[in-house]
Amino acid sequence: MADKMMSERLQPSLLDRLTDDDPTNPAEAREARVIDIRRLREIVQRDLGWLLNTNNAEGWIDPQRYPLAARSVLNYGVKDVAGDFAARDRAQLIRKSIALAIEYFEPRIRKGSAQVEIRTENVNRTTIISFDIRAEMWAEPIPLELYLRSSVDVTTGQVTLERS
């Protein structure tokens, strides 16, 4: 197989580089040290799933008094809205919380590019709220489009992500 062009070779995240997928093999193949665009999308989707399934400490950190702590990893995740508000209000709160979490904690998404929209066909559902997430992932020579469909079960707070 021919070497991929430099623009097609991407380095995995630090977590993926530190994770040993084959502990019985002391040497790592060159192919394992670089990823392609498809794998980058999978990794970003996985990491966004972790981010959006983590409840932050928004209720415990006063952003007026501690603005840096409010944007730090102490506040990693999304606001817990399980059982808090009416479905329509809750959908807007979740949408804003998802957009902020992506903006603050996913560096592979270009700043300002994340758009989170409530899926209109599900507005009247009371337990599952669906969103479309569109963003640009950092890549060379040009950014990559990322489009995910997410569903939030507001009774449990569980978020699922699917690529479209």
C-alpha atoms as a PDB file:
ATOM      1  CA  MET A   1       0.000   0.000   0.000  1.00  0.00           C
ATOM      2  CA  ALA A   2       1.401   3.373  -0.979  1.00  0.00           C
ATOM      3  CA  ASP A   3       2.162   5.936   1.701  1.00  0.00           C
ATOM      4  CA  LYS A   4      -0.697   8.313   2.318  1.00  0.00           C
ATOM      5  CA  MET A   5      -0.206  11.966   1.583  1.00  0.00           C
ATOM      6  CA  MET A   6       0.694  14.091   4.591  1.00  0.00           C
ATOM      7  CA  SER A   7      -2.767  15.706   4.495  1.00  0.00           C
ATOM      8  CA  GLU A   8      -4.396  12.276   4.838  1.00  0.00           C
ATOM      9  CA  ARG A   9      -2.298  11.247   7.851  1.00  0.00           C
ATOM     10  CA  LEU A  10      -3.505  12.541  11.178  1.00  0.00           C
ATOM     11  CA  GLN A  11      -2.198  11.929  14.658  1.00  0.00           C
ATOM     12  CA  PRO A  12      -4.589  10.344  17.167  1.00  0.00           C
ATOM     13  CA  SER A  13      -5.536  12.145  20.372  1.00  0.00           C
ATOM     14  CA  LEU A  14      -3.282  11.798  23.408  1.00  0.00           C
ATOM     15  CA  LEU A  15      -5.669   9.303  25.006  1.00  0.00           C
ATOM     16  CA  ASP A  16      -5.617   7.118  21.896  1.00  0.00           C
ATOM     17  CA  ARG A  17      -1.815   7.294  21.707  1.00  0.00           C
ATOM     18  CA  LEU A  18      -1.512   6.238  25.351  1.00  0.00           C
ATOM     19  CA  THR A  19      -3.993   3.374  24.978  1.00  0.00           C
ATOM     20  CA  ASP A  20      -2.263   0.106  24.101  1.00  0.00           C
ATOM     21  CA  ASP A  21      -4.625  -1.843  21.854  1.00  0.00           C
ATOM     22  CA  ASP A  22      -2.180  -4.752  21.620  1.00  0.00           C
ATOM     23  CA  PRO A  23      -0.342  -5.134  24.952  1.00  0.00           C
ATOM     24  CA  THR A  24       1.254  -8.425  23.877  1.00  0.00           C
ATOM     25  CA  ASN A  25       3.179  -6.709  21.076  1.00  0.00           C
ATOM     26  CA  PRO A  26       6.050  -4.522  22.382  1.00  0.00           C
ATOM     27  CA  ALA A  27       6.524  -2.711  19.055  1.00  0.00           C
ATOM     28  CA  GLU A  28       3.900  -0.481  17.518  1.00  0.00           C
ATOM     29  CA  ALA A  29       3.438  -0.530  13.768  1.00  0.00           C
ATOM     30  CA  ARG A  30       3.817   2.755  11.887  1.00  0.00           C
ATOM     31  CA  GLU A  31       0.211   2.497  10.699  1.00  0.00           C
ATOM     32  CA  ALA A  32      -0.972   2.487  14.322  1.00  0.00           C
ATOM     33  CA  ARG A  33       0.635   5.891  14.945  1.00  0.00           C
ATOM     34  CA  VAL A  34      -1.410   7.712  12.317  1.00  0.00           C
ATOM     35  CA  ILE A  35      -5.113   7.723  11.548  1.00  0.00           C
ATOM     36  CA  ASP A  36      -7.189   8.542   8.500  1.00  0.00           C
ATOM     37  CA  ILE A  37     -10.152  10.888   8.208  1.00  0.00           C
ATOM     38  CA  ARG A  38     -12.691   8.101   8.786  1.00  0.00           C
ATOM     39  CA  ARG A  39     -10.987   7.110  12.046  1.00  0.00           C
ATOM     40  CA  LEU A  40     -10.758  10.764  13.116  1.00  0.00           C
ATOM     41  CA  ARG A  41     -14.530  11.096  12.714  1.00  0.00           C
ATOM     42  CA  GLU A  42     -15.060   7.939  14.800  1.00  0.00           C
ATOM     43  CA  ILE A  43     -12.767   9.205  17.554  1.00  0.00           C
ATOM     44  CA  VAL A  44     -14.415  12.645  17.657  1.00  0.00           C
ATOM     45  CA  GLN A  45     -17.866  11.023  17.766  1.00  0.00           C
ATOM     46  CA  ARG A  46     -16.759   8.748  20.635  1.00  0.00           C
ATOM     47  CA  ASP A  47     -15.251  11.664  22.565  1.00  0.00           C
ATOM     48  CA  LEU A  48     -18.329  13.834  22.005  1.00  0.00           C
ATOM     49  CA  GLY A  49     -20.419  10.957  23.355  1.00  0.00           C
ATOM     50  CA  TRP A  50     -18.310  10.950  26.518  1.00  0.00           C
ATOM     51  CA  LEU A  51     -18.558  14.737  26.802  1.00  0.00           C
ATOM     52  CA  LEU A  52     -22.331  14.863  26.307  1.00  0.00           C
ATOM     53  CA  ASN A  53     -22.946  11.970  28.720  1.00  0.00           C
ATOM     54  CA  THR A  54     -21.113  13.761  31.544  1.00  0.00           C
ATOM     55  CA  ASN A  55     -22.986  16.128  33.844  1.00  0.00           C
ATOM     56  CA  ASN A  56     -21.083  19.297  34.661  1.00  0.00           C
ATOM     57  CA  ALA A  57     -20.866  21.172  37.953  1.00  0.00           C
ATOM     58  CA  GLU A  58     -22.786  24.201  36.703  1.00  0.00           C
ATOM     59  CA  GLY A  59     -24.957  24.367  39.812  1.00  0.00           C
ATOM     60  CA  TRP A  60     -21.927  24.312  42.121  1.00  0.00           C
ATOM     61  CA  ILE A  61     -19.647  26.865  40.441  1.00  0.00           C
ATOM     62  CA  ASP A  62     -20.673  30.524  40.455  1.00  0.00           C
ATOM     63  CA  PRO A  63     -19.602  31.797  37.000  1.00  0.00           C
ATOM     64  CA  GLN A  64     -19.749  35.430  38.170  1.00  0.00           C
ATOM     65  CA  ARG A  65     -17.378  34.812  41.054  1.00  0.00           C
ATOM     66  CA  TYR A  66     -15.211  32.115  39.423  1.00  0.00           C
ATOM     67  CA  PRO A  67     -15.346  32.652  35.639  1.00  0.00           C
ATOM     68  CA  LEU A  68     -12.168  30.659  34.943  1.00  0.00           C
ATOM     69  CA  ALA A  69     -13.372  27.681  36.982  1.00  0.00           C
ATOM     70  CA  ALA A  70     -16.708  27.774  35.151  1.00  0.00           C
ATOM     71  CA  ARG A  71     -14.872  27.254  31.831  1.00  0.00           C
ATOM     72  CA  SER A  72     -12.327  24.770  33.178  1.00  0.00           C
ATOM     73  CA  VAL A  73     -12.382  20.976  33.257  1.00  0.00           C
ATOM     74  CA  LEU A  74     -14.051  21.258  36.665  1.00  0.00           C
ATOM     75  CA  ASN A  75     -17.169  22.053  34.657  1.00  0.00           C
ATOM     76  CA  TYR A  76     -16.628  19.424  31.906  1.00  0.00           C
ATOM     77  CA  GLY A  77     -19.866  18.101  30.417  1.00  0.00           C
ATOM     78  CA  VAL A  78     -23.415  19.340  29.982  1.00  0.00           C
ATOM     79  CA  LYS A  79     -25.975  20.712  32.421  1.00  0.00           C
ATOM     80  CA  ASP A  80     -28.062  18.032  34.102  1.00  0.00           C
ATOM     81  CA  VAL A  81     -31.657  18.817  33.147  1.00  0.00           C
ATOM     82  CA  ALA A  82     -33.299  15.492  33.944  1.00  0.00           C
ATOM     83  CA  GLY A  83     -36.700  16.299  35.431  1.00  0.00           C
ATOM     84  CA  ASP A  84     -36.039  20.050  35.699  1.00  0.00           C
ATOM     85  CA  PHE A  85     -38.325  21.856  33.264  1.00  0.00           C
ATOM     86  CA  ALA A  86     -41.164  21.488  30.773  1.00  0.00           C
ATOM     87  CA  ALA A  87     -40.161  19.683  27.568  1.00  0.00           C
ATOM     88  CA  ARG A  88     -39.924  22.800  25.383  1.00  0.00           C
ATOM     89  CA  ASP A  89     -37.851  24.742  27.937  1.00  0.00           C
ATOM     90  CA  ARG A  90     -35.708  21.685  28.577  1.00  0.00           C
ATOM     91  CA  ALA A  91     -34.965  21.255  24.861  1.00  0.00           C
ATOM     92  CA  GLN A  92     -33.604  24.813  24.626  1.00  0.00           C
ATOM     93  CA  LEU A  93     -31.511  24.361  27.778  1.00  0.00           C
ATOM     94  CA  ILE A  94     -30.047  21.104  26.489  1.00  0.00           C
ATOM     95  CA  ARG A  95     -29.327  22.650  23.077  1.00  0.00           C
ATOM     96  CA  LYS A  96     -27.438  25.545  24.662  1.00  0.00           C
ATOM     97  CA  SER A  97     -25.590  23.242  27.036  1.00  0.00           C
ATOM     98  CA  ILE A  98     -24.482  20.940  24.194  1.00  0.00           C
ATOM     99  CA  ALA A  99     -23.260  23.890  22.118  1.00  0.00           C
ATOM    100  CA  LEU A 100     -21.287  25.344  25.048  1.00  0.00           C
ATOM    101  CA  ALA A 101     -19.756  21.987  25.984  1.00  0.00           C
ATOM    102  CA  ILE A 102     -18.552  21.449  22.413  1.00  0.00           C
ATOM    103  CA  GLU A 103     -17.197  25.003  22.236  1.00  0.00           C
ATOM    104  CA  TYR A 104     -15.307  24.744  25.541  1.00  0.00           C
ATOM    105  CA  PHE A 105     -14.126  21.134  25.592  1.00  0.00           C
ATOM    106  CA  GLU A 106     -13.694  19.763  22.055  1.00  0.00           C
ATOM    107  CA  PRO A 107     -10.587  21.376  20.542  1.00  0.00           C
ATOM    108  CA  ARG A 108     -10.847  19.414  17.273  1.00  0.00           C
ATOM    109  CA  ILE A 109     -14.049  21.313  16.474  1.00  0.00           C
ATOM    110  CA  ARG A 110     -13.288  24.744  15.013  1.00  0.00           C
ATOM    111  CA  LYS A 111     -14.331  27.521  17.377  1.00  0.00           C
ATOM    112  CA  GLY A 112     -17.673  29.040  16.434  1.00  0.00           C
ATOM    113  CA  SER A 113     -18.538  26.339  13.897  1.00  0.00           C
ATOM    114  CA  ALA A 114     -20.748  24.117  16.078  1.00  0.00           C
ATOM    115  CA  GLN A 115     -24.465  24.459  15.393  1.00  0.00           C
ATOM    116  CA  VAL A 116     -26.942  22.516  17.505  1.00  0.00           C
ATOM    117  CA  GLU A 117     -30.540  22.484  16.281  1.00  0.00           C
ATOM    118  CA  ILE A 118     -33.600  20.848  17.776  1.00  0.00           C
ATOM    119  CA  ARG A 119     -35.147  18.351  15.378  1.00  0.00           C
ATOM    120  CA  THR A 120     -38.619  19.739  14.737  1.00  0.00           C
ATOM    121  CA  GLU A 121     -40.406  16.426  14.230  1.00  0.00           C
ATOM    122  CA  ASN A 122     -39.680  15.524  17.859  1.00  0.00           C
ATOM    123  CA  VAL A 123     -40.586  18.800  19.587  1.00  0.00           C
ATOM    124  CA  ASN A 124     -43.741  17.435  21.227  1.00  0.00           C
ATOM    125  CA  ARG A 125     -42.146  14.250  22.575  1.00  0.00           C
ATOM    126  CA  THR A 126     -41.675  14.389  26.319  1.00  0.00           C
ATOM    127  CA  THR A 127     -38.942  11.840  27.070  1.00  0.00           C
ATOM    128  CA  ILE A 128     -36.649  11.917  24.013  1.00  0.00           C
ATOM    129  CA  ILE A 129     -35.396  15.143  22.458  1.00  0.00           C
ATOM    130  CA  SER A 130     -33.418  14.914  19.220  1.00  0.00           C
ATOM    131  CA  PHE A 131     -30.820  17.337  17.917  1.00  0.00           C
ATOM    132  CA  ASP A 132     -28.744  17.820  14.790  1.00  0.00           C
ATOM    133  CA  ILE A 133     -25.138  18.775  15.460  1.00  0.00           C
ATOM    134  CA  ARG A 134     -23.180  20.324  12.603  1.00  0.00           C
ATOM    135  CA  ALA A 135     -19.593  21.467  12.961  1.00  0.00           C
ATOM    136  CA  GLU A 136     -16.277  21.766  11.205  1.00  0.00           C
ATOM    137  CA  MET A 137     -13.476  19.517  12.419  1.00  0.00           C
ATOM    138  CA  TRP A 138      -9.932  20.751  12.209  1.00  0.00           C
ATOM    139  CA  ALA A 139      -8.063  19.099   9.333  1.00  0.00           C
ATOM    140  CA  GLU A 140      -5.483  19.996   6.725  1.00  0.00           C
ATOM    141  CA  PRO A 141      -5.698  21.270   4.042  1.00  0.00           C
ATOM    142  CA  ILE A 142      -9.356  22.164   4.683  1.00  0.00           C
ATOM    143  CA  PRO A 143     -11.765  21.575   7.601  1.00  0.00           C
ATOM    144  CA  LEU A 144     -14.011  18.511   7.527  1.00  0.00           C
ATOM    145  CA  GLU A 145     -17.766  18.637   7.939  1.00  0.00           C
ATOM    146  CA  LEU A 146     -19.154  16.741  10.912  1.00  0.00           C
ATOM    147  CA  TYR A 147     -22.865  15.971  11.060  1.00  0.00           C
ATOM    148  CA  LEU A 148     -24.290  14.008  13.976  1.00  0.00           C
ATOM    149  CA  ARG A 149     -27.794  13.219  15.097  1.00  0.00           C
ATOM    150  CA  SER A 150     -28.196  13.041  18.830  1.00  0.00           C
ATOM    151  CA  SER A 151     -31.016  11.913  21.058  1.00  0.00           C
ATOM    152  CA  VAL A 152     -31.299  12.862  24.707  1.00  0.00           C
ATOM    153  CA  ASP A 153     -33.459  10.798  27.044  1.00  0.00           C
ATOM    154  CA  VAL A 154     -34.505  13.502  29.497  1.00  0.00           C
ATOM    155  CA  THR A 155     -35.565  11.016  32.166  1.00  0.00           C
ATOM    156  CA  THR A 156     -32.085   9.447  32.401  1.00  0.00           C
ATOM    157  CA  GLY A 157     -29.903  12.102  30.758  1.00  0.00           C
ATOM    158  CA  GLN A 158     -28.444   9.489  28.376  1.00  0.00           C
ATOM    159  CA  VAL A 159     -27.200  10.919  25.057  1.00  0.00           C
ATOM    160  CA  THR A 160     -26.754   8.823  21.919  1.00  0.00           C
ATOM    161  CA  LEU A 161     -24.896  10.022  18.825  1.00  0.00           C
ATOM    162  CA  GLU A 162     -25.176   8.725  15.266  1.00  0.00           C
ATOM    163  CA  ARG A 163     -23.293   9.819  12.189  1.00  0.00           C
ATOM    164  CA  SER A 164     -25.380  10.681   9.166  1.00  0.00           C
END
